[in-house]
Amino acid sequence: ERYRYPDFRDGQIKYKNGSVSKSRFNYNFLKGEIDFIQLSDTLSLVTRKEMSFLTIGSDTFYFDNGYIEQISGGSFKVGVKQFIKLKDVLKKGAFGTTNRNSAIESYKPVTRGIFYDWVPNEDCVFQMEREYYFSKSGSDFVLFTRKNTLEMFSGHEDKIKDYLKSTKVNFSSVDDLNRLAEYLRSL
């Protein structure tokens, strides 16, 4: 469950300098990294800032402060950043029960997918997180929010506000964001 796909899949990286590299890739939710197979080793990409995009099967990923999987393309791209977040740490209490009331002192947060000072005498609660982003005409990806949408389409603020009033948009819903993206492409 830590990987996006059940197995490593053929893909390729298109670099900003025009070169292409092929391998078998998979996206690791826990580390927030693209892993690939080299000989019999599983490695993480280190050239992510030099790449334009990466494809795994028919899916496209961009790197912009993390990997963003494209949901819809064109001049206005919509993407999702998925990762597993440490939500809670429960200390073991008496007789193996979990204790929510004890102070949490023996762990440090997950940083860039690396676990520090992991204490096995605790139950960790993880949660899958999804953040949605958009990119307008090759610009950097921006968190898909009402405020950012109005800022990026400053010449069409009134039209967008009317659309948002007439059509309820949940900025955590892929379907709602795709409908809004279609509307924004028509402006």
C-alpha atoms as a PDB file:
ATOM      1  CA  GLU A   1       0.000   0.000   0.000  1.00  0.00           C
ATOM      2  CA  ARG A   2       2.971   2.333   0.166  1.00  0.00           C
ATOM      3  CA  TYR A   3       3.228   2.400  -3.638  1.00  0.00           C
ATOM      4  CA  ARG A   4       0.923   4.008  -6.201  1.00  0.00           C
ATOM      5  CA  TYR A   5       0.986   0.892  -8.407  1.00  0.00           C
ATOM      6  CA  PRO A   6       1.010  -2.787  -7.424  1.00  0.00           C
ATOM      7  CA  ASP A   7       4.262  -3.297  -9.361  1.00  0.00           C
ATOM      8  CA  PHE A   8       7.031  -1.233 -10.964  1.00  0.00           C
ATOM      9  CA  ARG A   9       6.023  -0.114 -14.449  1.00  0.00           C
ATOM     10  CA  ASP A  10       7.835   0.979 -17.580  1.00  0.00           C
ATOM     11  CA  GLY A  11       8.259   4.711 -17.835  1.00  0.00           C
ATOM     12  CA  GLN A  12      10.559   7.453 -18.910  1.00  0.00           C
ATOM     13  CA  ILE A  13      11.937  10.741 -17.697  1.00  0.00           C
ATOM     14  CA  LYS A  14      12.081  13.677 -20.086  1.00  0.00           C
ATOM     15  CA  TYR A  15      14.786  16.069 -18.887  1.00  0.00           C
ATOM     16  CA  LYS A  16      14.848  19.845 -19.434  1.00  0.00           C
ATOM     17  CA  ASN A  17      17.948  19.442 -21.644  1.00  0.00           C
ATOM     18  CA  GLY A  18      15.964  17.157 -23.992  1.00  0.00           C
ATOM     19  CA  SER A  19      17.466  13.815 -22.996  1.00  0.00           C
ATOM     20  CA  VAL A  20      15.298  10.841 -22.059  1.00  0.00           C
ATOM     21  CA  SER A  21      15.901   8.061 -19.549  1.00  0.00           C
ATOM     22  CA  LYS A  22      13.863   4.850 -19.380  1.00  0.00           C
ATOM     23  CA  SER A  23      13.386   2.475 -16.463  1.00  0.00           C
ATOM     24  CA  ARG A  24      10.745   0.780 -14.320  1.00  0.00           C
ATOM     25  CA  PHE A  25       9.205   3.267 -11.863  1.00  0.00           C
ATOM     26  CA  ASN A  26       6.713   3.495  -9.014  1.00  0.00           C
ATOM     27  CA  TYR A  27       5.599   6.346  -6.739  1.00  0.00           C
ATOM     28  CA  ASN A  28       6.256   5.753  -3.028  1.00  0.00           C
ATOM     29  CA  PHE A  29       3.518   7.463  -0.940  1.00  0.00           C
ATOM     30  CA  LEU A  30       5.419   7.066   2.321  1.00  0.00           C
ATOM     31  CA  LYS A  31       8.629   8.694   1.099  1.00  0.00           C
ATOM     32  CA  GLY A  32       6.989  11.047  -1.400  1.00  0.00           C
ATOM     33  CA  GLU A  33       9.547   9.905  -3.971  1.00  0.00           C
ATOM     34  CA  ILE A  34       9.672   8.151  -7.324  1.00  0.00           C
ATOM     35  CA  ASP A  35      11.507   4.847  -6.929  1.00  0.00           C
ATOM     36  CA  PHE A  36      13.043   2.910  -9.800  1.00  0.00           C
ATOM     37  CA  ILE A  37      14.680  -0.457 -10.325  1.00  0.00           C
ATOM     38  CA  GLN A  38      18.354  -0.581 -11.286  1.00  0.00           C
ATOM     39  CA  LEU A  39      19.732  -4.094 -11.603  1.00  0.00           C
ATOM     40  CA  SER A  40      18.344  -5.646  -8.391  1.00  0.00           C
ATOM     41  CA  ASP A  41      18.259  -2.445  -6.304  1.00  0.00           C
ATOM     42  CA  THR A  42      15.351  -0.108  -5.610  1.00  0.00           C
ATOM     43  CA  LEU A  43      16.550   3.505  -5.703  1.00  0.00           C
ATOM     44  CA  SER A  44      14.953   6.954  -5.492  1.00  0.00           C
ATOM     45  CA  LEU A  45      15.402   9.624  -8.151  1.00  0.00           C
ATOM     46  CA  VAL A  46      17.892  12.355  -7.347  1.00  0.00           C
ATOM     47  CA  THR A  47      17.635  14.223 -10.670  1.00  0.00           C
ATOM     48  CA  ARG A  48      14.058  15.382 -10.063  1.00  0.00           C
ATOM     49  CA  LYS A  49      14.807  19.114 -10.414  1.00  0.00           C
ATOM     50  CA  GLU A  50      16.393  18.582 -13.842  1.00  0.00           C
ATOM     51  CA  MET A  51      13.360  16.752 -15.250  1.00  0.00           C
ATOM     52  CA  SER A  52      10.520  18.283 -17.247  1.00  0.00           C
ATOM     53  CA  PHE A  53       8.201  15.404 -16.497  1.00  0.00           C
ATOM     54  CA  LEU A  54       8.118  11.679 -15.878  1.00  0.00           C
ATOM     55  CA  THR A  55       5.682   9.092 -17.209  1.00  0.00           C
ATOM     56  CA  ILE A  56       4.784   5.817 -15.549  1.00  0.00           C
ATOM     57  CA  GLY A  57       2.623   3.848 -17.949  1.00  0.00           C
ATOM     58  CA  SER A  58       0.042   6.384 -19.131  1.00  0.00           C
ATOM     59  CA  ASP A  59       0.344   8.642 -16.046  1.00  0.00           C
ATOM     60  CA  THR A  60       2.406  11.840 -16.030  1.00  0.00           C
ATOM     61  CA  PHE A  61       4.215  13.289 -13.007  1.00  0.00           C
ATOM     62  CA  TYR A  62       5.830  16.701 -12.547  1.00  0.00           C
ATOM     63  CA  PHE A  63       8.189  17.755  -9.777  1.00  0.00           C
ATOM     64  CA  ASP A  64       7.331  21.025  -8.055  1.00  0.00           C
ATOM     65  CA  ASN A  65       8.265  20.836  -4.362  1.00  0.00           C
ATOM     66  CA  GLY A  66       7.102  17.233  -4.490  1.00  0.00           C
ATOM     67  CA  TYR A  67       5.662  14.964  -7.156  1.00  0.00           C
ATOM     68  CA  ILE A  68       2.363  16.029  -8.686  1.00  0.00           C
ATOM     69  CA  GLU A  69       0.433  13.493 -10.750  1.00  0.00           C
ATOM     70  CA  GLN A  70      -1.431  15.073 -13.651  1.00  0.00           C
ATOM     71  CA  ILE A  71      -5.200  14.559 -13.524  1.00  0.00           C
ATOM     72  CA  SER A  72      -6.078  16.642 -16.574  1.00  0.00           C
ATOM     73  CA  GLY A  73      -3.836  18.324 -19.099  1.00  0.00           C
ATOM     74  CA  GLY A  74      -3.770  20.975 -21.729  1.00  0.00           C
ATOM     75  CA  SER A  75      -2.891  24.633 -21.239  1.00  0.00           C
ATOM     76  CA  PHE A  76      -4.423  24.428 -17.749  1.00  0.00           C
ATOM     77  CA  LYS A  77      -3.149  21.342 -15.940  1.00  0.00           C
ATOM     78  CA  VAL A  78      -4.700  19.896 -12.790  1.00  0.00           C
ATOM     79  CA  GLY A  79      -2.699  17.571 -10.578  1.00  0.00           C
ATOM     80  CA  VAL A  80      -2.697  15.819  -7.239  1.00  0.00           C
ATOM     81  CA  LYS A  81       0.087  15.438  -4.702  1.00  0.00           C
ATOM     82  CA  GLN A  82      -0.482  12.299  -2.627  1.00  0.00           C
ATOM     83  CA  PHE A  83       1.474  11.358   0.453  1.00  0.00           C
ATOM     84  CA  ILE A  84       1.113   9.523   3.724  1.00  0.00           C
ATOM     85  CA  LYS A  85       1.170  11.756   6.790  1.00  0.00           C
ATOM     86  CA  LEU A  86       1.913  10.785  10.371  1.00  0.00           C
ATOM     87  CA  LYS A  87      -1.320  11.798  12.082  1.00  0.00           C
ATOM     88  CA  ASP A  88      -0.900  10.557  15.644  1.00  0.00           C
ATOM     89  CA  VAL A  89       1.412   8.545  17.887  1.00  0.00           C
ATOM     90  CA  LEU A  90      -0.210   6.496  20.633  1.00  0.00           C
ATOM     91  CA  LYS A  91       1.939   5.309  23.512  1.00  0.00           C
ATOM     92  CA  LYS A  92       1.520   1.818  24.836  1.00  0.00           C
ATOM     93  CA  GLY A  93      -0.188   1.810  28.193  1.00  0.00           C
ATOM     94  CA  ALA A  94      -0.644  -0.879  30.787  1.00  0.00           C
ATOM     95  CA  PHE A  95      -1.201  -4.423  29.499  1.00  0.00           C
ATOM     96  CA  GLY A  96      -0.520  -3.440  25.877  1.00  0.00           C
ATOM     97  CA  THR A  97      -3.407  -0.970  25.571  1.00  0.00           C
ATOM     98  CA  THR A  98      -2.925   2.355  23.829  1.00  0.00           C
ATOM     99  CA  ASN A  99      -2.912   5.472  25.917  1.00  0.00           C
ATOM    100  CA  ARG A 100      -4.023   8.734  24.314  1.00  0.00           C
ATOM    101  CA  ASN A 101      -3.510  10.707  27.529  1.00  0.00           C
ATOM    102  CA  SER A 102       0.226  10.256  27.946  1.00  0.00           C
ATOM    103  CA  ALA A 103       2.613  12.909  26.703  1.00  0.00           C
ATOM    104  CA  ILE A 104       4.183  12.283  23.324  1.00  0.00           C
ATOM    105  CA  GLU A 105       7.873  12.881  23.787  1.00  0.00           C
ATOM    106  CA  SER A 106       9.725  10.056  22.121  1.00  0.00           C
ATOM    107  CA  TYR A 107       9.303  10.767  18.425  1.00  0.00           C
ATOM    108  CA  LYS A 108      10.249  13.411  15.963  1.00  0.00           C
ATOM    109  CA  PRO A 109       8.171  14.244  12.888  1.00  0.00           C
ATOM    110  CA  VAL A 110       8.510  12.579   9.515  1.00  0.00           C
ATOM    111  CA  THR A 111      10.810  14.800   7.492  1.00  0.00           C
ATOM    112  CA  ARG A 112      11.143  14.304   3.750  1.00  0.00           C
ATOM    113  CA  GLY A 113      10.085  10.686   4.103  1.00  0.00           C
ATOM    114  CA  ILE A 114      12.743   9.808   6.687  1.00  0.00           C
ATOM    115  CA  PHE A 115      11.807   8.548  10.132  1.00  0.00           C
ATOM    116  CA  TYR A 116      13.984   9.701  13.002  1.00  0.00           C
ATOM    117  CA  ASP A 117      14.115   8.213  16.513  1.00  0.00           C
ATOM    118  CA  TRP A 118      11.445   5.634  15.743  1.00  0.00           C
ATOM    119  CA  VAL A 119      10.241   4.021  18.969  1.00  0.00           C
ATOM    120  CA  PRO A 120       8.621   0.603  18.415  1.00  0.00           C
ATOM    121  CA  ASN A 121       6.678   0.771  21.688  1.00  0.00           C
ATOM    122  CA  GLU A 122       4.143   3.113  20.101  1.00  0.00           C
ATOM    123  CA  ASP A 123       1.253   2.761  17.698  1.00  0.00           C
ATOM    124  CA  CYS A 124       1.467   5.199  14.812  1.00  0.00           C
ATOM    125  CA  VAL A 125      -1.594   6.403  12.952  1.00  0.00           C
ATOM    126  CA  PHE A 126      -0.995   7.356   9.323  1.00  0.00           C
ATOM    127  CA  GLN A 127      -3.380   9.049   6.927  1.00  0.00           C
ATOM    128  CA  MET A 128      -3.358   9.413   3.149  1.00  0.00           C
ATOM    129  CA  GLU A 129      -3.348  13.098   2.209  1.00  0.00           C
ATOM    130  CA  ARG A 130      -4.233  14.604  -1.154  1.00  0.00           C
ATOM    131  CA  GLU A 131      -3.523  18.163  -2.218  1.00  0.00           C
ATOM    132  CA  TYR A 132      -4.733  19.476  -5.565  1.00  0.00           C
ATOM    133  CA  TYR A 133      -2.713  21.854  -7.726  1.00  0.00           C
ATOM    134  CA  PHE A 134      -2.998  23.620 -11.058  1.00  0.00           C
ATOM    135  CA  SER A 135      -0.562  25.042 -13.578  1.00  0.00           C
ATOM    136  CA  LYS A 136      -1.514  27.664 -16.123  1.00  0.00           C
ATOM    137  CA  SER A 137       0.362  27.627 -19.449  1.00  0.00           C
ATOM    138  CA  GLY A 138       3.607  26.064 -18.261  1.00  0.00           C
ATOM    139  CA  SER A 139       3.899  28.060 -15.043  1.00  0.00           C
ATOM    140  CA  ASP A 140       4.731  26.486 -11.705  1.00  0.00           C
ATOM    141  CA  PHE A 141       2.052  24.475  -9.929  1.00  0.00           C
ATOM    142  CA  VAL A 142      -0.084  26.364  -7.411  1.00  0.00           C
ATOM    143  CA  LEU A 143      -2.347  24.940  -4.719  1.00  0.00           C
ATOM    144  CA  PHE A 144      -5.869  24.776  -6.215  1.00  0.00           C
ATOM    145  CA  THR A 145      -7.826  27.144  -3.971  1.00  0.00           C
ATOM    146  CA  ARG A 146     -10.441  29.805  -4.592  1.00  0.00           C
ATOM    147  CA  LYS A 147      -7.957  32.579  -3.732  1.00  0.00           C
ATOM    148  CA  ASN A 148      -5.194  31.241  -6.027  1.00  0.00           C
ATOM    149  CA  THR A 149      -7.664  30.725  -8.872  1.00  0.00           C
ATOM    150  CA  LEU A 150      -8.886  34.316  -8.647  1.00  0.00           C
ATOM    151  CA  GLU A 151      -5.290  35.598  -8.512  1.00  0.00           C
ATOM    152  CA  MET A 152      -4.147  33.581 -11.551  1.00  0.00           C
ATOM    153  CA  PHE A 153      -7.173  34.676 -13.590  1.00  0.00           C
ATOM    154  CA  SER A 154      -7.269  38.270 -12.338  1.00  0.00           C
ATOM    155  CA  GLY A 155      -8.825  39.557 -15.579  1.00  0.00           C
ATOM    156  CA  HIS A 156     -11.790  37.194 -15.188  1.00  0.00           C
ATOM    157  CA  GLU A 157     -12.510  37.567 -11.461  1.00  0.00           C
ATOM    158  CA  ASP A 158     -16.191  38.516 -11.894  1.00  0.00           C
ATOM    159  CA  LYS A 159     -16.895  35.593 -14.240  1.00  0.00           C
ATOM    160  CA  ILE A 160     -15.157  33.134 -11.911  1.00  0.00           C
ATOM    161  CA  LYS A 161     -16.999  34.500  -8.856  1.00  0.00           C
ATOM    162  CA  ASP A 162     -20.313  34.101 -10.723  1.00  0.00           C
ATOM    163  CA  TYR A 163     -19.374  30.523 -11.641  1.00  0.00           C
ATOM    164  CA  LEU A 164     -18.410  29.734  -8.024  1.00  0.00           C
ATOM    165  CA  LYS A 165     -21.727  31.202  -6.791  1.00  0.00           C
ATOM    166  CA  SER A 166     -23.825  29.239  -9.267  1.00  0.00           C
ATOM    167  CA  THR A 167     -21.822  25.998  -9.038  1.00  0.00           C
ATOM    168  CA  LYS A 168     -20.756  24.744  -5.628  1.00  0.00           C
ATOM    169  CA  VAL A 169     -17.078  23.756  -5.878  1.00  0.00           C
ATOM    170  CA  ASN A 170     -15.459  21.542  -3.269  1.00  0.00           C
ATOM    171  CA  PHE A 171     -11.716  22.134  -3.667  1.00  0.00           C
ATOM    172  CA  SER A 172     -11.087  18.623  -2.311  1.00  0.00           C
ATOM    173  CA  SER A 173     -13.189  16.934  -5.006  1.00  0.00           C
ATOM    174  CA  VAL A 174     -11.527  15.770  -8.225  1.00  0.00           C
ATOM    175  CA  ASP A 175     -14.809  15.964 -10.144  1.00  0.00           C
ATOM    176  CA  ASP A 176     -15.538  19.526  -8.992  1.00  0.00           C
ATOM    177  CA  LEU A 177     -12.000  20.664  -9.798  1.00  0.00           C
ATOM    178  CA  ASN A 178     -12.105  19.091 -13.256  1.00  0.00           C
ATOM    179  CA  ARG A 179     -15.399  20.903 -13.987  1.00  0.00           C
ATOM    180  CA  LEU A 180     -13.885  24.178 -12.764  1.00  0.00           C
ATOM    181  CA  ALA A 181     -10.763  23.526 -14.853  1.00  0.00           C
ATOM    182  CA  GLU A 182     -12.926  23.025 -17.974  1.00  0.00           C
ATOM    183  CA  TYR A 183     -14.611  26.331 -17.266  1.00  0.00           C
ATOM    184  CA  LEU A 184     -11.279  28.099 -16.727  1.00  0.00           C
ATOM    185  CA  ARG A 185      -9.909  26.698 -20.001  1.00  0.00           C
ATOM    186  CA  SER A 186     -12.858  28.318 -21.814  1.00  0.00           C
ATOM    187  CA  LEU A 187     -11.999  31.833 -20.532  1.00  0.00           C
END
